[in-house]
């Protein structure tokens, strides 16, 4: 995935005026190290649904699992557009994009298994073959991020 375009985040003037931009490499590191990702999807009737999920930011996307029987999975099957949040609000990363169900190659399944075990050892090692059936992947279209609101509020656009 190519490096996104960084832009000043347009916010109401009473909130302040961002004068700095974050570097994508720093935002990416925070996405990679996050332990919990809050994912907001939309039910078919338009009501919102938010869940915490474990996941791995890898190769420009958020990889995560979950049963096809969950509300979340039914939601993304109907409407794949989601928003993901990490941070406490004072520091935040908000990723917007669409989720696809991908069937990884054997090599990618092994990478996901290794990365999952390194990040979440309490769950034990997941057999790579379990990833081969399909994994949810969020590919970003837009990311909003700041470490000091509003001084460095930055929008990243992916083309």
Protein backbone atom coordinates (compact mmCIF):
# COMPACT_ATOMS: atom_id res chain seq x y z
CA UNK A 1 0.00 0.00 0.00
CA UNK A 2 1.34 3.41 -0.90
CA UNK A 3 1.84 6.18 1.61
CA UNK A 4 -1.34 8.21 2.14
CA UNK A 5 -1.73 11.92 1.52
CA UNK A 6 -1.59 13.92 4.80
CA UNK A 7 -3.81 16.98 5.08
CA UNK A 8 -4.84 19.49 7.70
CA UNK A 9 -8.02 18.28 9.36
CA UNK A 10 -10.80 20.82 8.89
CA UNK A 11 -12.39 21.46 12.27
CA UNK A 12 -14.64 24.24 13.59
CA UNK A 13 -12.59 27.36 14.33
CA UNK A 14 -13.68 27.45 17.96
CA UNK A 15 -11.79 24.16 18.51
CA UNK A 16 -8.50 25.63 17.33
CA UNK A 17 -6.35 25.57 14.24
CA UNK A 18 -4.09 22.58 13.56
CA UNK A 19 -0.60 23.86 12.81
CA UNK A 20 1.28 20.55 12.63
CA UNK A 21 0.83 17.27 10.78
CA UNK A 22 1.44 13.80 12.09
CA UNK A 23 3.70 11.45 10.17
CA UNK A 24 1.99 8.36 8.77
CA UNK A 25 4.82 6.14 10.10
CA UNK A 26 3.95 7.22 13.68
CA UNK A 27 0.22 6.63 13.17
CA UNK A 28 0.91 3.24 11.61
CA UNK A 29 3.06 2.21 14.60
CA UNK A 30 0.18 3.09 16.95
CA UNK A 31 -2.24 1.06 14.81
CA UNK A 32 0.17 -1.89 14.88
CA UNK A 33 0.60 -1.76 18.66
CA UNK A 34 -3.06 -1.21 19.62
CA UNK A 35 -4.44 -4.08 21.68
CA UNK A 36 -8.15 -3.32 21.21
CA UNK A 37 -9.85 -1.87 18.13
CA UNK A 38 -13.38 -0.47 18.56
CA UNK A 39 -15.29 -1.20 15.35
CA UNK A 40 -18.53 0.60 14.47
CA UNK A 41 -20.77 -0.93 11.83
CA UNK A 42 -24.38 -0.32 10.80
CA UNK A 43 -27.26 -2.75 11.16
CA UNK A 44 -29.49 -3.24 8.09
CA UNK A 45 -32.18 -1.05 9.74
CA UNK A 46 -29.66 1.79 10.18
CA UNK A 47 -28.96 1.42 13.89
CA UNK A 48 -25.29 1.59 14.93
CA UNK A 49 -23.38 -1.31 16.44
CA UNK A 50 -19.97 -1.05 18.16
CA UNK A 51 -17.72 -3.88 19.33
CA UNK A 52 -14.19 -4.24 20.69
CA UNK A 53 -12.01 -6.63 18.70
CA UNK A 54 -8.49 -7.99 18.81
CA UNK A 55 -6.69 -7.55 15.54
CA UNK A 56 -3.47 -6.98 13.68
CA UNK A 57 -2.56 -4.01 11.51
CA UNK A 58 -0.54 -5.67 8.78
CA UNK A 59 0.32 -4.71 5.20
CA UNK A 60 -1.86 -1.60 5.32
CA UNK A 61 -5.01 -3.20 6.72
CA UNK A 62 -6.66 -4.31 9.95
CA UNK A 63 -7.02 -8.10 10.06
CA UNK A 64 -9.47 -9.51 12.59
CA UNK A 65 -11.67 -12.53 13.07
CA UNK A 66 -15.02 -13.39 14.50
CA UNK A 67 -17.83 -15.82 13.97
CA UNK A 68 -20.07 -15.40 10.94
CA UNK A 69 -22.96 -15.76 13.42
CA UNK A 70 -22.24 -12.39 15.10
CA UNK A 71 -24.23 -9.20 14.62
CA UNK A 72 -21.04 -7.53 13.40
CA UNK A 73 -20.50 -10.10 10.65
CA UNK A 74 -24.11 -9.82 9.52
CA UNK A 75 -23.73 -6.03 9.46
CA UNK A 76 -20.59 -6.00 7.31
CA UNK A 77 -22.15 -8.53 4.95
CA UNK A 78 -25.00 -6.07 4.40
CA UNK A 79 -22.87 -2.89 4.49
CA UNK A 80 -19.07 -3.30 4.59
CA UNK A 81 -18.36 0.35 5.53
CA UNK A 82 -17.07 0.71 9.10
CA UNK A 83 -15.17 3.06 11.36
CA UNK A 84 -12.50 1.85 13.77
CA UNK A 85 -11.22 3.81 16.76
CA UNK A 86 -8.16 3.46 18.96
CA UNK A 87 -7.05 5.89 21.63
CA UNK A 88 -8.68 7.75 24.49
CA UNK A 89 -10.04 10.78 22.61
CA UNK A 90 -7.28 13.16 23.61
CA UNK A 91 -5.10 10.94 21.44
CA UNK A 92 -7.08 9.25 18.71
CA UNK A 93 -6.92 7.35 15.47
CA UNK A 94 -10.13 6.87 13.52
CA UNK A 95 -9.95 4.61 10.47
CA UNK A 96 -12.75 4.64 7.90
CA UNK A 97 -13.05 2.12 5.12
CA UNK A 98 -14.69 -1.06 3.90
CA UNK A 99 -14.24 -4.58 5.23
CA UNK A 100 -13.67 -7.51 2.92
CA UNK A 101 -13.58 -11.18 3.81
CA UNK A 102 -10.30 -12.48 2.42
CA UNK A 103 -8.97 -16.01 2.16
CA UNK A 104 -5.25 -15.62 2.85
CA UNK A 105 -2.51 -17.59 1.18
CA UNK A 106 -0.68 -20.18 3.27
CA UNK A 107 2.17 -17.71 3.69
CA UNK A 108 -0.15 -14.93 4.87
CA UNK A 109 -2.01 -17.32 7.19
CA UNK A 110 1.33 -18.24 8.79
CA UNK A 111 2.21 -14.54 9.19
CA UNK A 112 -1.18 -13.86 10.81
CA UNK A 113 -0.70 -16.80 13.19
CA UNK A 114 2.79 -15.63 14.16
CA UNK A 115 1.71 -12.02 14.60
CA UNK A 116 -1.35 -13.00 16.63
CA UNK A 117 0.70 -15.18 18.97
CA UNK A 118 3.28 -12.42 19.47
CA UNK A 119 0.60 -9.83 20.21
CA UNK A 120 -1.91 -11.97 22.15
CA UNK A 121 0.08 -14.87 23.71
CA UNK A 122 -2.68 -15.43 26.26
CA UNK A 123 -4.80 -17.04 23.51
CA UNK A 124 -2.12 -19.51 22.46
CA UNK A 125 -0.99 -20.10 18.91
CA UNK A 126 -3.80 -20.18 16.35
CA UNK A 127 -3.24 -22.76 13.63
CA UNK A 128 -2.65 -21.02 10.29
CA UNK A 129 -5.23 -23.29 8.66
CA UNK A 130 -7.96 -21.58 10.72
CA UNK A 131 -7.22 -18.32 8.90
CA UNK A 132 -7.50 -20.02 5.52
CA UNK A 133 -11.30 -20.11 5.74
CA UNK A 134 -11.47 -16.33 5.72
CA UNK A 135 -10.56 -13.31 7.78
CA UNK A 136 -12.06 -9.81 7.93
CA UNK A 137 -9.77 -7.09 6.57
CA UNK A 138 -10.43 -3.37 6.82
CA UNK A 139 -8.69 -1.41 4.07
CA UNK A 140 -8.58 2.28 5.00
CA UNK A 141 -9.94 5.04 2.78
CA UNK A 142 -9.44 7.82 5.32
CA UNK A 143 -7.73 8.09 8.70
CA UNK A 144 -8.16 10.94 11.18
CA UNK A 145 -5.51 11.15 13.88
CA UNK A 146 -4.07 13.40 16.56
CA UNK A 147 -1.87 13.13 19.61
CA UNK A 148 -2.65 16.65 20.78
CA UNK A 149 -6.08 17.91 19.84
CA UNK A 150 -6.13 20.26 17.95
CA UNK A 151 -2.49 21.15 17.28
CA UNK A 152 -1.70 18.14 15.10
CA UNK A 153 -5.10 16.91 13.92
CA UNK A 154 -4.32 15.25 10.59
CA UNK A 155 -6.39 13.57 7.88
CA UNK A 156 -4.76 10.85 5.78
CA UNK A 157 -6.37 10.02 2.42
CA UNK A 158 -5.71 6.72 0.68
CA UNK A 159 -6.13 6.61 -3.06
